[in-house]
Amino acid sequence: MPRPIVLSNGRLWVGLDHRYTVRDFFYPHIGIWNHLSGHFMRQGLWLDDRLEWFDSPGWFHRLDDLHPRFGARSMIGSEGLGVEVLAEERIATDSAIWLRKFVVRDLTGRTRRGKFFSTHDFRLCESDLGDTALFHPDSAAIYHYKGDVAIGITARGTQGSVDEYACGVKAFMGLEGTWRDAEDGHLSMKAIEQGSVDSTLGLSFVLPAFGETEIFMTIVAEDSLPKAIATMKAAGTLSWPGWRGTSDAGTEDRLQRGAEFAREMVLAHQTVEGGFVAATDSDILETARAHYAYIWMRDGALIGETLADTDPEAVHRFLDFGFKCLGDADRFAQKYDARGRLGASWHPYIQNGQPVTPWQEDETALFVSLARRMNRTEDQINRLVETLVREVGSEGLPQPSHDLWEERYGIHFWTVCCVIDALESELFFRRMNGSPEGGLAYEDIERALTRMRRSFATVFCDPEAGLPRMMTRDHDGTWHPDLTPDAAVLGGLLRPLLKPDPELLWRAGAHV
């Protein structure tokens, strides 16, 4: 499910769920690796001889993701425990440092001694094999490390720093983890453990009657334990930054603020390499051992169209990432990971007993349209255009490929619209800038485009039958339309090819 709080700087990505529990922790790439993969990093309070985690029953959670990339503020609390907590988050813009601040307020009118606990169930690099958790006295911090990943966690308050800790085995031999150790208000003080491990730290405090106490957490991520320790020491000198969330906009137009929030949320999913990751939450792992932390060229190109005027730098970074993924290929594959490597797929290399190249032609077409709109001139674009032209069959339509929803194999209304847009964009670019060397002749592209427009009008735009989302063809040449109402048809109608055609839009609406 969507995460109500997202923090991201392109390399460190953190997601908190609706109960204010950290469920996703990506480093050093958005999408690679999720070191929690849906498991828990959570905090709690020991008061009145009992421990309650912030996600315990009876707690309320009012979460406000004011700046999807760099900050959030929340109010949580428990009437039964007699506390409320103002929680604030800040993430550095240029380093993997996450600062957290908790202002704990008493509601009982009694001075009480308590403890703050934080527990960390990491699976570094998405595996619980061979992890190490340790407490390091120099920075009073717990570190988890394995291979090229090291994560450090510490806490301090106005009354002191970490004074209890536990590193232990979890999810093995019947052991549940060190969070169980905290339930009696005391930790084991075990300073190191290896294998399938978790950790918990504790911090003592005094909560004045109707008063408050402040607790600060620092979380860092690096590519080695020594670097993580050094970064933690450097982060200890940082002061808590002033709040600059979008809620401070006062009477700013709510629609404008909503648009800005949406823009920030999109940019929060862009990796430092430039790709836009489709989805980062790990809840899908509960129903399928797969995820959507991949980059689709379709998604990125559509995002790029939206950001072209406001965030051209982000769009060019995406295009650079796309060219890296493409390499020497003549078309894009289904999806890629954050480093530009081929992503997991469910598209076969054989259809109806015949070998095929699995692809979604709309992805390649949309990328061409965006690249030319941004006046990119890479030779790879010429190769993509040649593929789009070569794939125009004898009937004047693209050869079959997979659809927008990545489920059906055929010739699709949406895909044809995207290919026509791409070839129109190519011709417009050439009229403005001249034809690039080594590419197809202008006339060859124009002829392919003319044939495709004519076939599209006769095969897809039947005023009596309506607009099919997909066409398939028998060996004898008979067309078979799929007239199932589909949002992909609406998407095609909103492409530049058909958007100016109100009559076609009206006919489409009459058949939905």
Protein backbone atom coordinates (compact mmCIF):
# COMPACT_ATOMS: atom_id res chain seq x y z
CA MET A 1 0.00 0.00 0.00
CA PRO A 2 1.17 3.62 -0.40
CA ARG A 3 3.45 5.00 2.29
CA PRO A 4 2.06 8.12 3.99
CA ILE A 5 5.60 9.30 4.75
CA VAL A 6 8.35 9.17 2.16
CA LEU A 7 11.87 10.56 2.59
CA SER A 8 14.28 10.48 -0.33
CA ASN A 9 17.36 12.16 -1.70
CA GLY A 10 17.84 9.80 -4.65
CA ARG A 11 20.20 7.45 -2.85
CA LEU A 12 18.61 6.95 0.57
CA TRP A 13 14.86 6.24 0.47
CA VAL A 14 12.76 5.66 3.59
CA GLY A 15 9.08 4.73 3.77
CA LEU A 16 6.88 4.76 6.90
CA ASP A 17 3.48 3.06 7.03
CA HIS A 18 0.18 4.36 8.39
CA ARG A 19 1.14 3.26 11.94
CA TYR A 20 4.36 5.27 11.87
CA THR A 21 6.57 2.21 11.45
CA VAL A 22 9.55 2.22 9.09
CA ARG A 23 8.95 -0.56 6.56
CA ASP A 24 11.24 0.33 3.64
CA PHE A 25 14.86 1.44 3.71
CA PHE A 26 16.66 1.64 0.34
CA TYR A 27 20.37 2.31 -0.03
CA PRO A 28 22.45 3.04 -2.12
CA HIS A 29 19.87 3.07 -4.93
CA ILE A 30 16.11 3.59 -4.86
CA GLY A 31 15.00 0.06 -5.68
CA ILE A 32 18.31 -1.62 -4.74
CA TRP A 33 18.44 -2.76 -1.92
CA ASN A 34 15.45 -2.67 0.44
CA HIS A 35 17.16 -3.53 3.71
CA LEU A 36 13.86 -3.91 5.56
CA SER A 37 11.69 -5.46 2.82
CA GLY A 38 8.57 -4.91 4.87
CA HIS A 39 10.04 -5.85 8.25
CA PHE A 40 10.08 -3.36 11.08
CA MET A 41 12.18 -0.51 12.34
CA ARG A 42 10.07 0.99 15.11
CA GLN A 43 10.20 3.02 18.29
CA GLY A 44 8.40 2.79 21.61
CA LEU A 45 8.19 4.07 25.17
CA TRP A 46 8.55 2.32 28.52
CA LEU A 47 6.39 4.14 31.07
CA ASP A 48 4.48 3.00 34.15
CA ASP A 49 6.19 -0.41 34.03
CA ARG A 50 5.03 -1.29 30.53
CA LEU A 51 6.31 -0.94 26.97
CA GLU A 52 4.19 0.29 24.10
CA TRP A 53 5.54 0.59 20.58
CA PHE A 54 4.31 3.51 18.54
CA ASP A 55 2.28 1.10 16.40
CA SER A 56 0.60 -0.56 19.40
CA PRO A 57 -3.21 -0.83 19.56
CA GLY A 58 -4.75 2.29 21.03
CA TRP A 59 -2.22 4.72 19.58
CA PHE A 60 -3.44 7.46 17.23
CA HIS A 61 -1.36 8.52 14.24
CA ARG A 62 -1.72 11.80 12.37
CA LEU A 63 0.97 11.72 9.71
CA ASP A 64 1.81 14.73 7.57
CA ASP A 65 4.27 14.20 4.73
CA LEU A 66 4.86 17.89 4.18
CA HIS A 67 7.84 17.54 1.86
CA PRO A 68 8.01 14.09 0.21
CA ARG A 69 11.71 14.32 -0.40
CA PHE A 70 13.26 15.88 2.66
CA GLY A 71 10.94 16.13 5.64
CA ALA A 72 7.77 15.15 7.50
CA ARG A 73 5.98 15.93 10.72
CA SER A 74 3.55 13.72 12.65
CA MET A 75 1.55 13.70 15.85
CA ILE A 76 1.10 10.33 17.55
CA GLY A 77 0.08 9.35 21.03
CA SER A 78 -1.55 6.99 23.47
CA GLU A 79 -4.34 7.97 25.87
CA GLY A 80 -3.70 4.79 27.86
CA LEU A 81 -0.03 5.61 28.33
CA GLY A 82 -0.80 9.29 28.88
CA VAL A 83 1.56 10.70 26.25
CA GLU A 84 1.59 12.42 22.93
CA VAL A 85 4.63 12.62 20.67
CA LEU A 86 5.44 15.26 18.07
CA ALA A 87 7.70 13.49 15.60
CA GLU A 88 9.71 15.28 12.91
CA GLU A 89 11.92 13.88 10.14
CA ARG A 90 14.65 15.48 8.08
CA ILE A 91 16.83 13.82 5.46
CA ALA A 92 20.01 15.34 4.08
CA THR A 93 19.93 16.48 0.47
CA ASP A 94 23.40 15.27 -0.42
CA SER A 95 24.27 12.41 1.95
CA ALA A 96 22.64 9.34 3.48
CA ILE A 97 21.85 10.95 6.84
CA TRP A 98 18.39 10.82 8.38
CA LEU A 99 17.63 12.96 11.46
CA ARG A 100 14.59 12.33 13.66
CA LYS A 101 13.23 14.37 16.56
CA PHE A 102 10.64 13.21 19.10
CA VAL A 103 9.08 15.63 21.58
CA VAL A 104 7.39 13.47 24.24
CA ARG A 105 4.70 15.25 26.28
CA ASP A 106 3.09 14.07 29.51
CA LEU A 107 -0.72 14.13 29.74
CA THR A 108 -1.13 12.58 33.21
CA GLY A 109 0.17 15.36 35.45
CA ARG A 110 2.71 12.99 37.05
CA THR A 111 6.49 13.10 36.80
CA ARG A 112 7.63 9.74 35.46
CA ARG A 113 10.85 7.94 34.66
CA GLY A 114 10.85 6.18 31.31
CA LYS A 115 12.87 4.77 28.48
CA PHE A 116 12.85 5.27 24.74
CA PHE A 117 13.46 2.12 22.68
CA SER A 118 14.28 1.74 19.00
CA THR A 119 14.42 -1.70 17.35
CA HIS A 120 15.85 -2.58 13.93
CA ASP A 121 15.02 -5.74 11.98
CA PHE A 122 17.28 -5.28 8.96
CA ARG A 123 17.84 -7.84 6.23
CA LEU A 124 20.84 -6.27 4.56
CA CYS A 125 20.79 -6.65 0.79
CA GLU A 126 17.38 -8.34 1.17
CA SER A 127 18.80 -11.38 2.96
CA ASP A 128 19.26 -12.27 6.62
CA LEU A 129 22.32 -14.39 5.86
CA GLY A 130 25.68 -13.21 7.17
CA ASP A 131 24.63 -9.91 8.75
CA THR A 132 26.46 -8.43 11.74
CA ALA A 133 24.95 -6.16 14.39
CA LEU A 134 27.21 -4.48 16.96
CA PHE A 135 27.29 -1.67 19.50
CA HIS A 136 30.20 0.75 19.09
CA PRO A 137 31.06 2.75 22.22
CA ASP A 138 32.85 5.63 20.49
CA SER A 139 29.63 6.91 18.95
CA ALA A 140 27.22 5.12 21.32
CA ALA A 141 25.58 3.67 18.22
CA ILE A 142 24.44 0.33 16.86
CA TYR A 143 25.68 -0.67 13.42
CA HIS A 144 24.48 -3.34 10.99
CA TYR A 145 26.86 -4.22 8.20
CA LYS A 146 27.42 -6.70 5.37
CA GLY A 147 29.37 -6.35 2.14
CA ASP A 148 29.00 -2.85 0.72
CA VAL A 149 26.31 -1.73 3.18
CA ALA A 150 26.61 -0.39 6.73
CA ILE A 151 23.76 1.28 8.64
CA GLY A 152 24.26 3.12 11.92
CA ILE A 153 21.60 4.13 14.48
CA THR A 154 21.99 6.20 17.63
CA ALA A 155 19.88 8.36 19.91
CA ARG A 156 20.41 11.11 22.43
CA GLY A 157 18.21 13.23 24.64
CA THR A 158 18.41 16.32 26.74
CA GLN A 159 19.28 14.02 29.65
CA GLY A 160 21.86 11.70 28.06
CA SER A 161 22.60 9.26 25.25
CA VAL A 162 22.11 5.54 24.63
CA ASP A 163 22.54 3.64 27.91
CA GLU A 164 21.21 0.20 26.93
CA TYR A 165 21.56 -1.99 23.86
CA ALA A 166 21.09 -5.53 22.62
CA CYS A 167 22.28 -7.35 19.51
CA GLY A 168 20.76 -10.78 19.01
CA VAL A 169 19.48 -13.54 16.77
CA LYS A 170 16.04 -13.28 15.17
CA ALA A 171 13.82 -15.48 12.96
CA PHE A 172 16.00 -18.53 13.71
CA MET A 173 15.80 -21.40 16.20
CA GLY A 174 12.52 -19.97 17.51
CA LEU A 175 14.09 -16.64 18.54
CA GLU A 176 11.91 -13.61 17.78
CA GLY A 177 14.49 -10.88 18.24
CA THR A 178 15.77 -8.30 20.70
CA TRP A 179 12.50 -6.34 20.61
CA ARG A 180 11.20 -9.05 22.93
CA ASP A 181 14.11 -8.29 25.25
CA ALA A 182 12.80 -4.73 25.65
CA GLU A 183 9.40 -5.78 26.95
CA ASP A 184 10.59 -5.94 30.58
CA GLY A 185 12.17 -2.50 30.31
CA HIS A 186 15.77 -3.77 30.22
CA LEU A 187 18.12 -4.87 27.43
CA SER A 188 20.70 -7.65 27.57
CA MET A 189 23.73 -5.43 26.79
CA LYS A 190 24.95 -8.02 24.29
CA ALA A 191 27.33 -6.00 22.15
CA ILE A 192 27.61 -8.06 18.94
CA GLU A 193 25.94 -10.88 17.01
CA GLN A 194 26.22 -12.36 13.53
CA GLY A 195 23.94 -14.25 11.17
CA SER A 196 20.20 -13.52 11.16
CA VAL A 197 20.30 -10.60 13.58
CA ASP A 198 18.40 -7.61 14.85
CA SER A 199 19.16 -4.91 17.42
CA THR A 200 17.52 -2.61 19.94
CA LEU A 201 18.81 0.47 21.73
CA GLY A 202 17.48 2.19 24.84
CA LEU A 203 17.64 5.71 26.21
CA SER A 204 16.51 6.71 29.73
CA PHE A 205 14.68 9.95 30.46
CA VAL A 206 12.57 11.77 33.04
CA LEU A 207 9.21 13.09 31.82
CA PRO A 208 8.02 16.06 33.94
CA ALA A 209 4.38 16.42 34.91
CA PHE A 210 2.58 18.11 32.01
CA GLY A 211 6.06 18.73 30.63
CA GLU A 212 8.11 17.31 27.79
CA THR A 213 11.45 15.81 26.87
CA GLU A 214 13.24 15.76 23.51
CA ILE A 215 14.87 12.73 21.91
CA PHE A 216 16.97 12.89 18.76
CA MET A 217 17.84 9.97 16.51
CA THR A 218 20.50 9.85 13.81
CA ILE A 219 20.56 7.14 11.14
CA VAL A 220 23.35 6.95 8.57
CA ALA A 221 24.16 4.63 5.69
CA GLU A 222 27.55 4.06 4.05
CA ASP A 223 29.37 1.44 1.99
CA SER A 224 31.57 0.20 4.85
CA LEU A 225 31.58 0.04 8.64
CA PRO A 226 34.52 2.46 9.09
CA LYS A 227 32.80 5.02 6.85
CA ALA A 228 29.51 4.64 8.72
CA ILE A 229 31.28 5.24 12.05
CA ALA A 230 33.01 8.33 10.66
CA THR A 231 29.77 9.67 9.15
CA MET A 232 27.97 9.10 12.45
CA LYS A 233 30.62 11.10 14.31
CA ALA A 234 30.33 13.93 11.78
CA ALA A 235 26.53 13.85 11.96
CA GLY A 236 26.75 14.27 15.73
CA THR A 237 27.86 17.86 15.20
CA LEU A 238 24.78 18.72 13.12
CA SER A 239 22.14 20.89 14.75
CA TRP A 240 18.45 20.17 14.24
CA PRO A 241 17.44 22.08 11.07
CA GLY A 242 14.63 24.58 11.14
CA TRP A 243 11.35 23.44 9.67
CA ARG A 244 10.60 24.55 6.12
CA GLY A 245 7.68 22.31 5.22
CA THR A 246 5.09 23.29 2.64
CA SER A 247 2.47 23.73 5.37
CA ASP A 248 4.16 27.06 6.13
CA ALA A 249 2.72 28.41 2.90
CA GLY A 250 -0.19 29.91 4.85
CA THR A 251 -2.99 30.95 2.53
CA GLU A 252 -1.31 29.57 -0.60
CA ASP A 253 -3.80 28.11 -3.07
CA ARG A 254 -4.59 24.52 -2.10
CA LEU A 255 -4.68 23.33 -5.70
CA GLN A 256 -1.22 24.77 -6.29
CA ARG A 257 0.05 23.14 -3.10
CA GLY A 258 -1.45 19.81 -4.19
CA ALA A 259 0.28 20.05 -7.54
CA GLU A 260 3.58 20.87 -5.86
CA PHE A 261 3.15 17.93 -3.48
CA ALA A 262 2.53 15.58 -6.43
CA ARG A 263 5.61 16.91 -8.20
CA GLU A 264 7.74 16.40 -5.11
CA MET A 265 6.41 12.86 -4.66
CA VAL A 266 7.37 12.01 -8.24
CA LEU A 267 10.86 13.47 -7.79
CA ALA A 268 11.19 11.51 -4.54
CA HIS A 269 11.13 8.36 -6.67
CA GLN A 270 13.88 9.49 -9.05
CA THR A 271 17.21 7.81 -8.43
CA VAL A 272 20.52 9.62 -8.56
CA GLU A 273 21.07 7.78 -11.84
CA GLY A 274 17.91 9.39 -13.28
CA GLY A 275 15.33 6.59 -13.45
CA PHE A 276 11.84 6.98 -11.98
CA VAL A 277 11.15 3.93 -9.80
CA ALA A 278 7.57 2.73 -10.20
CA ALA A 279 6.87 1.66 -6.61
CA THR A 280 8.99 1.19 -3.52
CA ASP A 281 6.66 -0.17 -0.84
CA SER A 282 7.24 -3.79 0.10
CA ASP A 283 3.64 -4.81 0.84
CA ILE A 284 3.42 -6.64 -2.48
CA LEU A 285 5.91 -9.15 -1.04
CA GLU A 286 3.05 -10.44 1.11
CA THR A 287 1.22 -11.73 -1.98
CA ALA A 288 4.02 -12.33 -4.50
CA ARG A 289 7.76 -12.75 -4.15
CA ALA A 290 8.33 -9.88 -6.56
CA HIS A 291 8.21 -6.09 -6.40
CA TYR A 292 7.77 -3.01 -8.53
CA ALA A 293 11.01 -1.26 -7.62
CA TYR A 294 11.91 -1.06 -11.30
CA ILE A 295 12.02 1.61 -13.99
CA TRP A 296 9.67 1.43 -16.97
CA MET A 297 10.49 3.68 -19.93
CA ARG A 298 6.76 4.24 -20.41
CA ASP A 299 6.34 5.64 -16.90
CA GLY A 300 9.45 7.75 -17.15
CA ALA A 301 8.54 9.22 -20.53
CA LEU A 302 5.03 10.15 -19.39
CA ILE A 303 6.49 11.72 -16.24
CA GLY A 304 9.01 13.53 -18.42
CA GLU A 305 6.24 15.04 -20.53
CA THR A 306 4.72 16.47 -17.34
CA LEU A 307 8.02 17.82 -15.97
CA ALA A 308 9.51 19.06 -19.24
CA ASP A 309 8.70 22.71 -18.58
CA THR A 310 9.20 22.84 -14.80
CA ASP A 311 12.05 20.37 -14.19
CA PRO A 312 14.01 19.93 -17.43
CA GLU A 313 17.12 18.83 -15.53
CA ALA A 314 15.22 15.87 -14.05
CA VAL A 315 13.94 14.97 -17.52
CA HIS A 316 17.41 15.04 -19.04
CA ARG A 317 18.69 12.83 -16.22
CA PHE A 318 15.95 10.34 -17.05
CA LEU A 319 16.87 10.42 -20.73
CA ASP A 320 20.54 9.85 -19.86
CA PHE A 321 19.47 6.85 -17.78
CA GLY A 322 17.40 5.53 -20.69
CA PHE A 323 20.32 5.74 -23.10
CA LYS A 324 22.42 3.85 -20.57
CA CYS A 325 19.79 1.11 -20.36
CA LEU A 326 19.46 0.93 -24.13
CA GLY A 327 23.15 0.48 -24.88
CA ASP A 328 23.52 -1.09 -28.34
CA ALA A 329 19.96 -2.46 -28.45
CA ASP A 330 17.39 -1.26 -30.98
CA ARG A 331 14.43 -1.16 -28.57
CA PHE A 332 13.69 -1.04 -24.85
CA ALA A 333 12.95 -4.12 -22.80
CA GLN A 334 10.00 -4.29 -20.40
CA LYS A 335 11.78 -2.74 -17.42
CA TYR A 336 15.14 -2.10 -15.76
CA ASP A 337 16.55 -1.87 -12.27
CA ALA A 338 18.01 1.28 -10.75
CA ARG A 339 21.44 0.53 -12.18
CA GLY A 340 20.13 0.11 -15.71
CA ARG A 341 20.20 -3.69 -15.76
CA LEU A 342 17.45 -5.83 -17.27
CA GLY A 343 14.58 -6.22 -14.79
CA ALA A 344 12.49 -9.28 -14.02
CA SER A 345 9.87 -10.02 -16.69
CA TRP A 346 6.86 -12.19 -17.47
CA HIS A 347 6.90 -11.72 -21.26
CA PRO A 348 7.74 -14.92 -23.19
CA TYR A 349 10.07 -15.25 -26.16
CA ILE A 350 7.53 -17.39 -27.97
CA GLN A 351 3.96 -16.58 -29.05
CA ASN A 352 1.60 -19.06 -30.70
CA GLY A 353 4.50 -21.42 -31.22
CA GLN A 354 6.63 -18.79 -32.99
CA PRO A 355 9.76 -17.06 -31.64
CA VAL A 356 9.32 -13.34 -30.94
CA THR A 357 11.23 -10.49 -29.37
CA PRO A 358 9.22 -9.54 -26.27
CA TRP A 359 8.73 -5.82 -25.97
CA GLN A 360 6.17 -3.07 -25.48
CA GLU A 361 6.48 -0.83 -28.50
CA ASP A 362 4.76 2.09 -26.79
CA GLU A 363 7.70 2.39 -24.37
CA THR A 364 10.19 2.88 -27.18
CA ALA A 365 7.86 5.27 -29.01
CA LEU A 366 7.20 7.42 -25.95
CA PHE A 367 10.93 7.68 -25.25
CA VAL A 368 11.57 8.89 -28.82
CA SER A 369 8.84 11.54 -28.52
CA LEU A 370 10.26 12.84 -25.24
CA ALA A 371 13.88 12.79 -26.41
CA ARG A 372 13.10 14.81 -29.52
CA ARG A 373 10.93 17.23 -27.54
CA MET A 374 13.95 17.85 -25.31
CA ASN A 375 16.10 18.31 -28.44
CA ARG A 376 18.31 15.32 -27.73
CA THR A 377 20.49 14.23 -30.64
CA GLU A 378 22.03 10.91 -29.56
CA ASP A 379 22.61 8.39 -32.36
CA GLN A 380 20.64 5.87 -30.32
CA ILE A 381 17.46 7.81 -31.14
CA ASN A 382 18.06 7.17 -34.83
CA ARG A 383 18.26 3.46 -34.10
CA LEU A 384 14.97 3.56 -32.19
CA VAL A 385 13.25 5.43 -35.03
CA GLU A 386 14.52 2.86 -37.52
CA THR A 387 13.00 0.13 -35.36
CA LEU A 388 9.63 1.88 -35.22
CA VAL A 389 9.60 2.25 -39.01
CA ARG A 390 10.80 -1.30 -39.60
CA GLU A 391 8.05 -2.67 -37.37
CA VAL A 392 5.31 -1.18 -39.56
CA GLY A 393 3.75 -4.23 -41.20
CA SER A 394 2.39 -4.68 -44.70
CA GLU A 395 -1.07 -3.60 -43.54
CA GLY A 396 0.34 -0.28 -42.32
CA LEU A 397 0.16 -0.99 -38.59
CA PRO A 398 2.84 -1.93 -36.08
CA GLN A 399 3.63 -5.59 -35.61
CA PRO A 400 2.08 -7.17 -32.48
CA SER A 401 3.63 -6.39 -29.10
CA HIS A 402 2.45 -6.28 -25.49
CA ASP A 403 -0.10 -3.69 -24.39
CA LEU A 404 -0.06 -0.81 -21.93
CA TRP A 405 -1.09 -3.16 -19.11
CA GLU A 406 1.60 -5.68 -20.13
CA GLU A 407 -0.95 -8.48 -20.39
CA ARG A 408 -2.16 -8.85 -23.99
CA TYR A 409 -0.26 -9.50 -27.19
CA GLY A 410 -1.60 -7.82 -30.32
CA ILE A 411 -1.89 -4.49 -32.10
CA HIS A 412 -3.18 -1.91 -29.66
CA PHE A 413 -5.02 1.40 -30.05
CA TRP A 414 -2.73 3.00 -27.46
CA THR A 415 0.45 1.69 -29.04
CA VAL A 416 -0.47 2.87 -32.54
CA CYS A 417 -1.20 6.35 -31.18
CA CYS A 418 2.19 6.42 -29.42
CA VAL A 419 4.10 5.27 -32.51
CA ILE A 420 2.40 7.86 -34.72
CA ASP A 421 3.26 10.53 -32.13
CA ALA A 422 6.89 9.40 -32.13
CA LEU A 423 7.23 9.59 -35.91
CA GLU A 424 5.48 12.98 -35.94
CA SER A 425 7.95 14.17 -33.29
CA GLU A 426 10.85 12.88 -35.37
CA LEU A 427 9.70 14.70 -38.49
CA PHE A 428 9.09 17.93 -36.57
CA PHE A 429 12.56 17.69 -35.03
CA ARG A 430 14.08 17.26 -38.48
CA ARG A 431 12.16 20.19 -39.91
CA MET A 432 13.55 22.36 -37.12
CA ASN A 433 17.09 20.98 -36.94
CA GLY A 434 17.76 19.08 -40.15
CA SER A 435 18.05 15.32 -40.61
CA PRO A 436 20.74 13.65 -38.49
CA GLU A 437 23.58 11.86 -40.26
CA GLY A 438 23.26 8.12 -40.50
CA GLY A 439 19.53 8.00 -39.89
CA LEU A 440 16.64 7.05 -42.12
CA ALA A 441 15.73 9.44 -44.88
CA TYR A 442 13.00 11.94 -44.05
CA GLU A 443 10.88 10.54 -46.89
CA ASP A 444 11.05 6.97 -45.54
CA ILE A 445 9.70 8.09 -42.17
CA GLU A 446 7.02 10.24 -43.80
CA ARG A 447 5.84 7.33 -45.97
CA ALA A 448 5.63 4.99 -42.97
CA LEU A 449 3.70 7.63 -41.03
CA THR A 450 1.25 8.22 -43.88
CA ARG A 451 0.56 4.48 -44.23
CA MET A 452 0.06 4.12 -40.49
CA ARG A 453 -2.34 7.05 -40.25
CA ARG A 454 -4.42 5.66 -43.12
CA SER A 455 -4.55 2.15 -41.67
CA PHE A 456 -5.30 3.44 -38.20
CA ALA A 457 -8.29 5.40 -39.51
CA THR A 458 -9.73 2.42 -41.41
CA VAL A 459 -8.96 -0.44 -39.00
CA PHE A 460 -9.39 1.16 -35.57
CA CYS A 461 -11.77 4.10 -36.07
CA ASP A 462 -14.99 2.34 -37.06
CA PRO A 463 -17.88 4.77 -36.47
CA GLU A 464 -20.34 1.90 -36.07
CA ALA A 465 -18.45 -0.62 -33.92
CA GLY A 466 -16.62 1.84 -31.69
CA LEU A 467 -12.93 2.00 -30.81
CA PRO A 468 -11.25 -1.37 -30.08
CA ARG A 469 -8.50 -1.48 -27.52
CA MET A 470 -6.74 -4.22 -29.51
CA MET A 471 -6.84 -5.86 -32.92
CA THR A 472 -5.64 -9.35 -33.78
CA ARG A 473 -5.49 -10.88 -37.23
CA ASP A 474 -5.98 -14.41 -38.55
CA HIS A 475 -3.70 -15.99 -41.11
CA ASP A 476 -6.39 -15.29 -43.76
CA GLY A 477 -6.23 -11.57 -42.97
CA THR A 478 -9.47 -11.30 -40.97
CA TRP A 479 -9.34 -8.62 -38.26
CA HIS A 480 -10.76 -9.39 -34.81
CA PRO A 481 -11.46 -6.33 -32.62
CA ASP A 482 -11.46 -6.41 -28.83
CA LEU A 483 -14.12 -3.84 -27.92
CA THR A 484 -13.73 -4.18 -24.14
CA PRO A 485 -13.88 -0.65 -22.60
CA ASP A 486 -10.35 0.20 -21.54
CA ALA A 487 -8.66 3.25 -20.04
CA ALA A 488 -5.85 2.69 -22.53
CA VAL A 489 -8.22 3.84 -25.30
CA LEU A 490 -8.86 7.05 -23.39
CA GLY A 491 -5.11 7.43 -23.01
CA GLY A 492 -4.71 7.11 -26.77
CA LEU A 493 -7.44 9.66 -27.39
CA LEU A 494 -5.56 12.14 -25.21
CA ARG A 495 -2.31 11.75 -27.13
CA PRO A 496 -1.48 14.65 -29.51
CA LEU A 497 -2.62 12.56 -32.49
CA LEU A 498 -6.30 12.49 -31.51
CA LYS A 499 -6.74 15.11 -28.82
CA PRO A 500 -7.85 17.77 -31.35
CA ASP A 501 -10.54 15.44 -32.80
CA PRO A 502 -13.76 16.13 -30.79
CA GLU A 503 -15.86 13.96 -33.10
CA LEU A 504 -13.73 10.90 -32.41
CA LEU A 505 -13.77 11.62 -28.68
CA TRP A 506 -17.57 11.83 -28.80
CA ARG A 507 -17.86 8.53 -30.70
CA ALA A 508 -15.54 6.86 -28.20
CA GLY A 509 -17.65 8.06 -25.28
CA ALA A 510 -20.80 6.75 -26.91
CA HIS A 511 -19.41 3.20 -26.93
CA VAL A 512 -17.97 3.07 -23.40
